[in-house]
Amino acid sequence: MLNFRILGAIEIGSPVGSLRPKGALQRSLLMAFLANASKLVPTQTLIDELWDCNPPERVENALQAHVSRLRRQLTALEPEVSVSRLITHPSGYRLIVEEDELDVATFLNGLERLRHQRGPAAEIAREARGLLALWGGPAFGGFTGGPIAQAAASLYEESYLSALELLFDCELEDGNHQRIVPELRELLVKHPYKERFRQQLMVALYRSGRQADALDVYQDLRHQLSDDLGLTPSPIMREYERAVLEQDPVLISVDPAHRGVPLSPTSSRQLHVSR
């Protein structure tokens, strides 16, 4: 069994050692295979992924050479296995990777399960933190790669942010509003326009008795949007400001039946902001 890690530096681990692919082409090739784990990747797709608009002469031979190199490296990590994981097909190649061997598959499957799980908020928060701990850095180590890798990295990043939203909703429901204030502030440095994080921070501050600070979170967004993009906050964000100004009881209500539902401009008193 191999352990494929892409949530951070790209690495393949096994009982006999580990491998970190060297060279941009080898990394791009492995990234394309792992983004399509166990699926057939057409030859032309791989050529576009590795060389874009500037393929070398005899490009299919060049691709075959890179595939053969990766196959040898994978075989060295599994000396007891007689059949290679990297299979050649008439129209392309396929790398066999089981779901429990790939960290991003573990993360995505776990997140999907938690989204539908109904139970104590503290338990879900603990499991969410465990999933987020799988991330050791940006997907693929921040290496850009080609179109396949870029699309996959974007998907993984969105799922990462979704897991954080789920976590903070759970922490709010569990009464840990003070704990998540610094975490949310740190995230907003990297994602200043992520409104859901601002909404959660406003609720956390309000529940901590910091009404003025909660309003500052809204005003900071308003100034940033105006100065940087010439835009104004969304109606939902304005509804959060209104709720804080009016000390709307909805900001402190906790109802697991309405987990993850933000305030609505038209029905804020029927909806809830906590998970």
Protein backbone atom coordinates (compact mmCIF):
# COMPACT_ATOMS: atom_id res chain seq x y z
CA MET A 1 0.00 0.00 0.00
CA LEU A 2 1.26 3.45 -0.93
CA ASN A 3 0.40 6.74 0.68
CA PHE A 4 -0.12 9.54 -1.84
CA ARG A 5 0.01 13.02 -0.32
CA ILE A 6 -0.86 16.17 -2.26
CA LEU A 7 -2.30 18.38 0.50
CA GLY A 8 1.02 20.12 0.91
CA ALA A 9 4.24 18.93 -0.67
CA ILE A 10 3.69 16.15 -3.21
CA GLU A 11 4.99 12.91 -1.75
CA ILE A 12 4.49 9.18 -2.10
CA GLY A 13 5.26 7.11 0.97
CA SER A 14 5.65 3.38 1.50
CA PRO A 15 7.17 1.04 4.10
CA VAL A 16 10.42 0.97 2.11
CA GLY A 17 10.83 4.71 1.56
CA SER A 18 9.30 7.81 0.05
CA LEU A 19 9.37 9.71 -3.21
CA ARG A 20 9.12 13.38 -4.00
CA PRO A 21 9.07 13.82 -7.77
CA LYS A 22 11.84 16.02 -9.13
CA GLY A 23 11.46 18.30 -12.09
CA ALA A 24 8.45 20.22 -13.30
CA LEU A 25 7.42 17.63 -15.89
CA GLN A 26 7.52 14.70 -13.47
CA ARG A 27 5.49 16.66 -10.93
CA SER A 28 2.96 17.75 -13.56
CA LEU A 29 2.59 14.16 -14.73
CA LEU A 30 2.00 12.80 -11.24
CA MET A 31 -0.40 15.64 -10.41
CA ALA A 32 -2.47 14.88 -13.50
CA PHE A 33 -2.69 11.21 -12.55
CA LEU A 34 -3.62 11.91 -8.92
CA ALA A 35 -6.24 14.46 -9.91
CA ASN A 36 -7.78 11.62 -11.94
CA ALA A 37 -6.97 8.78 -9.59
CA SER A 38 -7.64 5.38 -11.18
CA LYS A 39 -9.20 7.04 -14.24
CA LEU A 40 -7.88 6.84 -17.77
CA VAL A 41 -6.07 10.03 -18.78
CA PRO A 42 -5.85 10.39 -22.59
CA THR A 43 -2.43 10.79 -24.15
CA GLN A 44 -3.26 14.16 -25.71
CA THR A 45 -4.56 15.44 -22.38
CA LEU A 46 -1.25 14.58 -20.73
CA ILE A 47 0.68 16.23 -23.55
CA ASP A 48 -1.30 19.42 -23.09
CA GLU A 49 -0.80 19.20 -19.34
CA LEU A 50 2.98 18.87 -19.56
CA TRP A 51 3.85 21.03 -22.54
CA ASP A 52 0.83 23.21 -23.28
CA CYS A 53 1.41 24.83 -26.68
CA ASN A 54 5.12 23.96 -26.94
CA PRO A 55 5.46 20.18 -27.23
CA PRO A 56 8.87 18.79 -28.18
CA GLU A 57 9.51 16.79 -31.33
CA ARG A 58 8.28 13.22 -31.07
CA VAL A 59 6.20 14.30 -28.13
CA GLU A 60 4.52 10.93 -27.59
CA ASN A 61 7.94 9.31 -27.17
CA ALA A 62 8.87 12.03 -24.68
CA LEU A 63 5.68 11.41 -22.73
CA GLN A 64 6.30 7.66 -22.74
CA ALA A 65 9.78 8.25 -21.32
CA HIS A 66 8.39 10.31 -18.45
CA VAL A 67 5.70 7.71 -17.75
CA SER A 68 8.30 4.94 -17.73
CA ARG A 69 10.43 6.88 -15.27
CA LEU A 70 7.48 7.38 -12.93
CA ARG A 71 6.54 3.71 -13.28
CA ARG A 72 10.04 2.62 -12.22
CA GLN A 73 9.92 4.91 -9.20
CA LEU A 74 6.53 3.56 -8.13
CA THR A 75 7.70 -0.02 -8.59
CA ALA A 76 10.70 0.65 -6.35
CA LEU A 77 8.32 1.68 -3.57
CA GLU A 78 6.40 -1.62 -3.86
CA PRO A 79 9.08 -4.26 -4.54
CA GLU A 80 6.75 -7.10 -3.53
CA VAL A 81 4.12 -6.16 -6.14
CA SER A 82 4.55 -7.80 -9.53
CA VAL A 83 2.08 -5.68 -11.52
CA SER A 84 2.65 -1.96 -11.99
CA ARG A 85 0.03 0.53 -10.85
CA LEU A 86 0.73 2.71 -13.88
CA ILE A 87 -1.07 1.05 -16.75
CA THR A 88 -0.65 1.83 -20.45
CA HIS A 89 -3.79 1.82 -22.60
CA PRO A 90 -4.08 2.33 -26.36
CA SER A 91 -5.49 5.82 -25.80
CA GLY A 92 -3.66 6.91 -22.65
CA TYR A 93 -2.51 5.93 -19.18
CA ARG A 94 -4.08 5.11 -15.84
CA LEU A 95 -2.60 5.21 -12.33
CA ILE A 96 -4.38 2.88 -9.90
CA VAL A 97 -4.87 4.65 -6.56
CA GLU A 98 -7.27 3.43 -3.90
CA GLU A 99 -9.31 6.08 -2.09
CA ASP A 100 -7.74 5.30 1.27
CA GLU A 101 -4.29 5.79 -0.24
CA LEU A 102 -4.87 9.41 -1.30
CA ASP A 103 -5.07 12.13 1.34
CA VAL A 104 -7.36 14.41 -0.67
CA ALA A 105 -9.85 11.56 -1.18
CA THR A 106 -9.88 10.97 2.57
CA PHE A 107 -10.47 14.68 3.09
CA LEU A 108 -13.26 15.04 0.51
CA ASN A 109 -15.07 11.88 1.60
CA GLY A 110 -14.86 12.90 5.24
CA LEU A 111 -16.14 16.38 4.52
CA GLU A 112 -19.10 15.04 2.56
CA ARG A 113 -19.96 12.74 5.46
CA LEU A 114 -19.76 15.57 8.01
CA ARG A 115 -22.01 17.78 5.89
CA HIS A 116 -24.82 15.28 6.33
CA GLN A 117 -24.01 14.20 9.87
CA ARG A 118 -26.45 15.08 12.60
CA GLY A 119 -24.99 14.91 16.06
CA PRO A 120 -23.28 16.97 18.77
CA ALA A 121 -21.59 20.06 17.37
CA ALA A 122 -18.50 19.39 19.48
CA GLU A 123 -18.03 15.97 17.87
CA ILE A 124 -18.41 17.33 14.35
CA ALA A 125 -15.99 20.19 15.11
CA ARG A 126 -13.42 17.71 16.41
CA GLU A 127 -13.73 15.58 13.28
CA ALA A 128 -13.54 18.66 11.05
CA ARG A 129 -10.31 19.75 12.71
CA GLY A 130 -8.96 16.26 12.13
CA LEU A 131 -9.72 16.49 8.42
CA LEU A 132 -8.21 19.96 8.17
CA ALA A 133 -5.05 18.65 9.82
CA LEU A 134 -4.47 16.61 6.64
CA TRP A 135 -3.49 19.86 4.97
CA GLY A 136 0.23 20.59 5.30
CA GLY A 137 0.12 23.50 2.87
CA PRO A 138 -1.49 24.41 -0.46
CA ALA A 139 -2.55 21.54 -2.70
CA PHE A 140 0.31 20.13 -4.78
CA GLY A 141 2.70 22.16 -2.66
CA GLY A 142 1.59 25.31 -4.46
CA PHE A 143 3.06 24.08 -7.76
CA THR A 144 0.89 25.44 -10.57
CA GLY A 145 1.02 22.63 -13.09
CA GLY A 146 -1.25 22.46 -16.12
CA PRO A 147 -5.02 22.85 -16.62
CA ILE A 148 -5.90 19.57 -14.90
CA ALA A 149 -3.87 20.34 -11.80
CA GLN A 150 -5.07 23.93 -11.67
CA ALA A 151 -8.74 22.90 -11.82
CA ALA A 152 -8.19 20.23 -9.17
CA ALA A 153 -6.31 22.60 -6.87
CA SER A 154 -9.12 25.14 -7.16
CA LEU A 155 -11.69 22.47 -6.26
CA TYR A 156 -9.65 21.30 -3.30
CA GLU A 157 -9.18 24.86 -2.04
CA GLU A 158 -12.92 25.52 -2.19
CA SER A 159 -13.52 22.32 -0.24
CA TYR A 160 -10.92 23.40 2.31
CA LEU A 161 -12.70 26.71 2.85
CA SER A 162 -16.03 24.88 3.06
CA ALA A 163 -14.61 22.65 5.79
CA LEU A 164 -13.51 25.73 7.71
CA GLU A 165 -16.99 27.23 7.44
CA LEU A 166 -18.43 23.98 8.76
CA LEU A 167 -15.93 23.95 11.62
CA PHE A 168 -16.71 27.50 12.72
CA ASP A 169 -20.45 26.92 12.50
CA CYS A 170 -19.99 23.95 14.84
CA GLU A 171 -17.80 25.93 17.23
CA LEU A 172 -20.41 28.68 17.39
CA GLU A 173 -23.12 26.17 18.15
CA ASP A 174 -20.94 24.65 20.85
CA GLY A 175 -20.38 28.05 22.49
CA ASN A 176 -16.71 28.40 21.52
CA HIS A 177 -17.11 31.88 20.04
CA GLN A 178 -14.06 33.35 21.80
CA ARG A 179 -11.84 30.51 20.63
CA ILE A 180 -12.51 31.09 16.94
CA VAL A 181 -12.11 34.89 16.87
CA PRO A 182 -8.32 34.82 16.28
CA GLU A 183 -8.65 31.95 13.80
CA LEU A 184 -11.21 33.87 11.75
CA ARG A 185 -9.18 37.08 11.85
CA GLU A 186 -6.15 35.21 10.53
CA LEU A 187 -8.19 33.69 7.72
CA LEU A 188 -9.58 37.07 6.69
CA VAL A 189 -6.06 38.32 6.09
CA LYS A 190 -5.77 35.68 3.35
CA HIS A 191 -9.42 35.82 2.23
CA PRO A 192 -10.60 39.39 2.88
CA TYR A 193 -13.67 39.08 0.63
CA LYS A 194 -14.90 35.77 2.04
CA GLU A 195 -18.19 37.01 3.46
CA ARG A 196 -19.10 33.82 5.31
CA PHE A 197 -15.99 34.14 7.48
CA ARG A 198 -16.90 37.76 8.22
CA GLN A 199 -20.43 36.75 9.17
CA GLN A 200 -19.11 34.09 11.51
CA LEU A 201 -16.63 36.55 13.02
CA MET A 202 -19.36 39.12 13.59
CA VAL A 203 -21.45 36.52 15.42
CA ALA A 204 -18.47 35.33 17.47
CA LEU A 205 -17.62 38.89 18.52
CA TYR A 206 -21.21 39.76 19.29
CA ARG A 207 -21.59 36.69 21.50
CA SER A 208 -18.36 37.68 23.24
CA GLY A 209 -19.94 41.01 24.21
CA ARG A 210 -17.97 42.95 21.58
CA GLN A 211 -20.73 44.64 19.59
CA ALA A 212 -18.53 47.53 18.40
CA ASP A 213 -15.85 45.12 17.15
CA ALA A 214 -18.51 43.15 15.31
CA LEU A 215 -19.63 46.31 13.53
CA ASP A 216 -16.00 47.11 12.66
CA VAL A 217 -15.78 43.81 10.80
CA TYR A 218 -18.60 44.96 8.53
CA GLN A 219 -17.13 48.43 8.08
CA ASP A 220 -13.72 46.99 7.20
CA LEU A 221 -15.32 44.97 4.43
CA ARG A 222 -17.27 47.96 3.18
CA HIS A 223 -14.12 50.07 2.92
CA GLN A 224 -12.10 47.30 1.28
CA LEU A 225 -14.76 46.58 -1.32
CA SER A 226 -15.19 50.26 -2.09
CA ASP A 227 -11.47 51.06 -2.30
CA ASP A 228 -10.34 47.92 -4.13
CA LEU A 229 -13.27 46.95 -6.33
CA GLY A 230 -15.77 49.81 -6.30
CA LEU A 231 -18.40 47.49 -4.81
CA THR A 232 -20.62 47.42 -1.74
CA PRO A 233 -21.31 44.55 0.70
CA SER A 234 -24.01 42.06 -0.19
CA PRO A 235 -27.55 42.35 1.18
CA ILE A 236 -26.83 39.46 3.53
CA MET A 237 -23.81 41.27 4.97
CA ARG A 238 -25.92 44.40 5.45
CA GLU A 239 -28.44 42.22 7.28
CA TYR A 240 -25.73 41.12 9.68
CA GLU A 241 -24.86 44.75 10.36
CA ARG A 242 -28.54 45.49 11.01
CA ALA A 243 -28.85 42.52 13.34
CA VAL A 244 -25.84 43.67 15.39
CA LEU A 245 -27.06 47.27 15.54
CA GLU A 246 -30.52 46.18 16.69
CA GLN A 247 -29.17 43.42 18.97
CA ASP A 248 -31.39 40.96 17.15
CA PRO A 249 -31.91 37.80 19.28
CA VAL A 250 -31.25 35.71 16.16
CA LEU A 251 -27.52 36.37 16.70
CA ILE A 252 -27.47 34.31 19.87
CA SER A 253 -29.99 31.65 18.93
CA VAL A 254 -28.75 28.09 18.49
CA ASP A 255 -30.88 25.57 16.64
CA PRO A 256 -29.23 22.48 15.11
CA ALA A 257 -32.22 22.14 12.80
CA HIS A 258 -31.05 25.31 11.01
CA ARG A 259 -27.36 24.58 10.85
CA GLY A 260 -25.29 26.63 8.46
CA VAL A 261 -28.09 28.98 7.40
CA PRO A 262 -27.05 32.66 7.15
CA LEU A 263 -29.32 35.57 7.87
CA SER A 264 -31.80 36.46 5.16
CA PRO A 265 -32.69 40.08 4.30
CA THR A 266 -36.34 39.07 4.16
CA SER A 267 -36.68 36.55 6.97
CA SER A 268 -33.83 37.03 9.41
CA ARG A 269 -35.95 36.35 12.45
CA GLN A 270 -36.89 32.91 11.17
CA LEU A 271 -33.38 31.83 10.17
CA HIS A 272 -30.29 31.19 12.23
CA VAL A 273 -26.60 31.94 11.82
CA SER A 274 -25.15 29.20 13.96
CA ARG A 275 -24.48 25.67 12.88
